[in-house]
Structures are given as C-alpha cells and as structure tokens.
Protein backbone atom coordinates (compact mmCIF):
# COMPACT_ATOMS: atom_id res chain seq x y z
CA MET A 1 103.04 75.48 109.56
CA ILE A 2 102.41 73.51 106.39
CA SER A 3 105.21 72.82 103.94
CA THR A 4 104.63 74.79 100.73
CA LYS A 5 106.75 75.82 97.73
CA LEU A 6 106.71 79.42 99.03
CA LEU A 7 107.90 78.35 102.47
CA LYS A 8 110.74 76.32 101.00
CA ALA A 9 111.79 78.88 98.38
CA GLY A 10 111.25 82.09 100.31
CA PHE A 11 112.28 81.05 103.78
CA ALA A 12 114.35 77.91 103.29
CA ALA A 13 112.17 76.23 105.89
CA ARG A 14 110.16 73.05 106.00
CA GLY A 15 106.80 72.63 107.59
CA ALA A 16 104.50 69.71 108.24
CA GLU A 17 103.09 67.68 105.39
CA VAL A 18 99.59 68.67 104.23
CA GLU A 19 98.14 65.37 105.47
CA SER A 20 99.06 66.24 109.06
CA GLY A 21 98.16 69.93 108.85
CA ALA A 22 94.74 69.67 110.47
CA THR A 23 95.67 67.15 113.14
CA THR A 24 95.34 69.56 116.08
CA SER A 25 92.12 71.16 114.78
CA VAL A 26 90.54 67.77 114.20
CA TRP A 27 91.68 66.55 117.63
CA LEU A 28 90.21 69.62 119.35
CA ALA A 29 86.94 69.29 117.42
CA THR A 30 86.50 65.59 118.12
CA ALA A 31 88.19 65.05 121.49
CA ASP A 32 86.28 63.86 124.52
CA GLY A 33 84.65 66.82 126.24
CA ALA A 34 86.64 66.27 129.43
CA ASP A 35 89.95 66.45 127.52
CA VAL A 36 89.05 69.76 125.92
CA ALA A 37 87.44 71.14 129.10
CA ALA A 38 90.74 70.61 130.91
CA LEU A 39 92.48 73.07 128.56
CA PRO A 40 92.61 76.70 129.66
CA SER A 41 90.42 79.10 127.70
CA GLY A 42 92.52 80.79 125.05
CA GLY A 43 95.28 78.20 125.35
CA TYR A 44 97.58 77.55 122.39
CA VAL A 45 97.63 73.93 121.29
CA ALA A 46 100.31 72.68 118.89
CA GLN A 47 100.31 69.10 117.66
CA GLY A 48 97.84 68.13 120.37
CA VAL A 49 99.92 69.58 123.19
CA LEU A 50 99.14 72.66 125.28
CA THR A 51 102.06 74.97 124.48
CA PRO A 52 103.03 78.19 126.24
CA PRO A 53 102.79 81.29 124.03
CA SER A 54 106.01 82.95 122.91
CA HIS A 55 107.39 85.93 124.80
CA ALA A 56 106.35 88.17 121.89
CA ALA A 57 102.76 86.93 122.20
CA GLN A 58 102.74 88.05 125.84
CA ASP A 59 104.33 91.46 125.23
CA ASP A 60 101.76 94.17 126.05
CA GLU A 61 103.78 96.94 124.37
CA LEU A 62 104.12 94.90 121.18
CA ARG A 63 100.39 94.13 121.28
CA ASP A 64 99.53 97.81 121.57
CA TRP A 65 101.93 98.76 118.76
CA LEU A 66 100.54 96.07 116.45
CA TRP A 67 96.97 97.15 117.20
CA ARG A 68 97.81 100.82 116.52
CA VAL A 69 99.60 100.09 113.24
CA SER A 70 96.89 97.68 112.08
CA ARG A 71 94.21 100.22 112.89
CA GLU A 72 96.09 102.88 110.89
CA LEU A 73 96.61 100.57 107.92
CA VAL A 74 92.91 99.81 107.61
CA GLN A 75 92.04 103.43 108.43
CA LEU A 76 89.96 102.54 111.46
CA PRO A 77 89.28 105.65 113.58
CA SER A 78 91.35 105.77 116.75
CA HIS A 79 88.23 105.82 118.95
CA ALA A 80 86.79 102.67 117.35
CA LEU A 81 87.37 99.32 119.02
CA SER A 82 90.12 100.54 121.32
CA SER A 83 92.30 97.78 122.79
C-alpha cells in the first residue's frame, strides 16, 4: 500500500513511499527465471517475499458472497460466468 494523502487523512495509516511502491512488481518481472519458477502459481508476494494469503482470502463462503454481490451490482445475469 502506497502512502497517499487519502490514506493518511481517511484511515490514519501510513503506507510505503512511492519510490518503493513497485519494488515487488519490478523484482518479479526482472528476477532470474529459476527464482520466479520456484514460486507457486497464484502465490502472493509482498516486498519480495512469498506471503500466505489472509484467512479472508481463503474463505469460500466469503468468496461466493463477494462474487454474488459483485455480479448483482454490475447487473451480470446469474447464469453468466458462474463461480
């Protein structure tokens, strides 16, 4: 998360400085093929470190609820792109 005026004012939180914001993306894009190949497909990498997803990210019921609500908000028919 990058430090912005909105983040500071709205959430009283601090993030990373802009200069370091792309560090992980740049590392993944330019790393030696063997380093990247060793990462599991779909893995979450934060600051160059493979990081386990949060419990919420692994919650199947929450996933299904979010998909249903998102589909309703964009008025996507229930039969389209079912999860």
